[in-house]
C-alpha atoms as a PDB file:
ATOM      1  CA  UNK A   1      -6.147   4.237  -6.721  1.00  0.00           C
ATOM      2  CA  UNK A   2      -2.796   5.147  -4.597  1.00  0.00           C
ATOM      3  CA  UNK A   3      -3.382   8.728  -5.043  1.00  0.00           C
ATOM      4  CA  UNK A   4      -7.020   8.468  -3.881  1.00  0.00           C
ATOM      5  CA  UNK A   5      -6.058   6.614  -0.872  1.00  0.00           C
ATOM      6  CA  UNK A   6      -3.278   8.746   0.409  1.00  0.00           C
ATOM      7  CA  UNK A   7      -5.935  11.748  -0.428  1.00  0.00           C
ATOM      8  CA  UNK A   8      -8.092   9.567   2.107  1.00  0.00           C
ATOM      9  CA  UNK A   9      -5.754   9.477   4.898  1.00  0.00           C
ATOM     10  CA  UNK A  10      -5.024   5.535   4.038  1.00  0.00           C
ATOM     11  CA  UNK A  11      -1.929   4.615   4.463  1.00  0.00           C
ATOM     12  CA  UNK A  12      -0.341   0.810   3.627  1.00  0.00           C
ATOM     13  CA  UNK A  13       2.133  -0.299   6.090  1.00  0.00           C
ATOM     14  CA  UNK A  14       4.826  -2.948   4.858  1.00  0.00           C
ATOM     15  CA  UNK A  15       3.241  -3.268   1.296  1.00  0.00           C
ATOM     16  CA  UNK A  16       5.725  -5.741  -0.305  1.00  0.00           C
ATOM     17  CA  UNK A  17       8.979  -4.223  -1.689  1.00  0.00           C
ATOM     18  CA  UNK A  18       8.613  -5.707  -5.436  1.00  0.00           C
ATOM     19  CA  UNK A  19       4.489  -5.977  -5.654  1.00  0.00           C
ATOM     20  CA  UNK A  20       2.727  -3.239  -7.776  1.00  0.00           C
ATOM     21  CA  UNK A  21       0.237  -0.575  -5.958  1.00  0.00           C
ATOM     22  CA  UNK A  22      -3.712  -1.024  -6.201  1.00  0.00           C
ATOM     23  CA  UNK A  23      -3.674   0.485  -9.913  1.00  0.00           C
ATOM     24  CA  UNK A  24      -0.486   0.495 -11.008  1.00  0.00           C
ATOM     25  CA  UNK A  25      -1.562  -2.551 -13.327  1.00  0.00           C
ATOM     26  CA  UNK A  26      -2.712  -2.123 -17.031  1.00  0.00           C
ATOM     27  CA  UNK A  27      -5.329   0.857 -16.756  1.00  0.00           C
ATOM     28  CA  UNK A  28      -7.806  -1.206 -19.170  1.00  0.00           C
ATOM     29  CA  UNK A  29      -7.816  -4.714 -16.822  1.00  0.00           C
ATOM     30  CA  UNK A  30     -10.565  -4.966 -13.908  1.00  0.00           C
ATOM     31  CA  UNK A  31      -9.111  -8.314 -12.566  1.00  0.00           C
ATOM     32  CA  UNK A  32      -7.744  -7.062  -9.534  1.00  0.00           C
ATOM     33  CA  UNK A  33      -4.923  -8.610  -7.733  1.00  0.00           C
ATOM     34  CA  UNK A  34      -5.161 -11.900 -10.363  1.00  0.00           C
ATOM     35  CA  UNK A  35      -3.871  -8.963 -13.183  1.00  0.00           C
ATOM     36  CA  UNK A  36      -0.784  -9.271 -10.540  1.00  0.00           C
ATOM     37  CA  UNK A  37       2.185 -11.482 -11.674  1.00  0.00           C
ATOM     38  CA  UNK A  38       2.493 -14.771  -9.556  1.00  0.00           C
ATOM     39  CA  UNK A  39       5.582 -13.364  -7.691  1.00  0.00           C
ATOM     40  CA  UNK A  40       3.772 -10.293  -6.543  1.00  0.00           C
ATOM     41  CA  UNK A  41       0.630 -12.193  -5.453  1.00  0.00           C
ATOM     42  CA  UNK A  42       3.139 -14.505  -3.606  1.00  0.00           C
ATOM     43  CA  UNK A  43       4.776 -11.493  -1.782  1.00  0.00           C
ATOM     44  CA  UNK A  44       1.422 -10.132  -0.931  1.00  0.00           C
ATOM     45  CA  UNK A  45      -0.091 -13.209   0.358  1.00  0.00           C
ATOM     46  CA  UNK A  46       3.339 -13.775   2.768  1.00  0.00           C
ATOM     47  CA  UNK A  47       2.837  -9.731   3.607  1.00  0.00           C
ATOM     48  CA  UNK A  48      -0.595 -10.068   5.044  1.00  0.00           C
ATOM     49  CA  UNK A  49       0.523 -13.011   7.682  1.00  0.00           C
ATOM     50  CA  UNK A  50       4.017 -12.131   8.360  1.00  0.00           C
ATOM     51  CA  UNK A  51       5.233 -13.092  11.862  1.00  0.00           C
ATOM     52  CA  UNK A  52       7.005  -9.785  12.729  1.00  0.00           C
ATOM     53  CA  UNK A  53       5.645  -6.753  10.208  1.00  0.00           C
ATOM     54  CA  UNK A  54       2.315  -7.800   8.494  1.00  0.00           C
ATOM     55  CA  UNK A  55       0.508  -5.482   5.950  1.00  0.00           C
ATOM     56  CA  UNK A  56      -1.983  -3.702   7.249  1.00  0.00           C
ATOM     57  CA  UNK A  57      -3.643  -0.412   6.594  1.00  0.00           C
ATOM     58  CA  UNK A  58      -3.962   2.516   8.705  1.00  0.00           C
ATOM     59  CA  UNK A  59      -6.043   5.758   8.848  1.00  0.00           C
ATOM     60  CA  UNK A  60      -4.874   9.053   9.290  1.00  0.00           C
ATOM     61  CA  UNK A  61      -7.054  10.969  10.836  1.00  0.00           C
ATOM     62  CA  UNK A  62      -5.810  14.409  11.384  1.00  0.00           C
ATOM     63  CA  UNK A  63      -6.267  16.251   7.711  1.00  0.00           C
ATOM     64  CA  UNK A  64      -2.890  18.337   8.444  1.00  0.00           C
ATOM     65  CA  UNK A  65      -0.708  15.078   9.205  1.00  0.00           C
ATOM     66  CA  UNK A  66      -1.859  13.936   5.980  1.00  0.00           C
ATOM     67  CA  UNK A  67      -0.256  17.175   3.984  1.00  0.00           C
ATOM     68  CA  UNK A  68       3.252  16.427   3.135  1.00  0.00           C
ATOM     69  CA  UNK A  69       3.870  13.592   5.099  1.00  0.00           C
ATOM     70  CA  UNK A  70       2.606  10.841   3.245  1.00  0.00           C
ATOM     71  CA  UNK A  71       2.010  12.724  -0.158  1.00  0.00           C
ATOM     72  CA  UNK A  72       4.482  10.999  -2.206  1.00  0.00           C
ATOM     73  CA  UNK A  73       4.047   8.890  -4.906  1.00  0.00           C
ATOM     74  CA  UNK A  74       4.306   5.761  -2.770  1.00  0.00           C
ATOM     75  CA  UNK A  75       3.478   6.277   0.386  1.00  0.00           C
ATOM     76  CA  UNK A  76       3.952   3.075   1.893  1.00  0.00           C
ATOM     77  CA  UNK A  77       5.904   2.719   4.931  1.00  0.00           C
ATOM     78  CA  UNK A  78       7.293   0.181   7.547  1.00  0.00           C
ATOM     79  CA  UNK A  79       6.344   0.069  11.233  1.00  0.00           C
ATOM     80  CA  UNK A  80       9.676   1.463  12.216  1.00  0.00           C
ATOM     81  CA  UNK A  81       9.001   4.621  10.373  1.00  0.00           C
ATOM     82  CA  UNK A  82       5.298   5.193  11.806  1.00  0.00           C
ATOM     83  CA  UNK A  83       5.138   8.022  14.751  1.00  0.00           C
END
């Protein structure tokens, strides 16, 4: 799913470091975030309400900006890296 998000231009900003990305849980599971370990669930919830750097989603509308810039396997960035 992370590749599909990147291809659609969706950028995950401030995703928790030690939390698996969407679609990175076992392929036979369809349990969503309940598939995450409790520590990952806690990190994800904490990231959503972080006072300085909350987790949010950003749309990259310009197709040319999508190419190469966020094409790596991990396209999650922090606020400090967005220009």
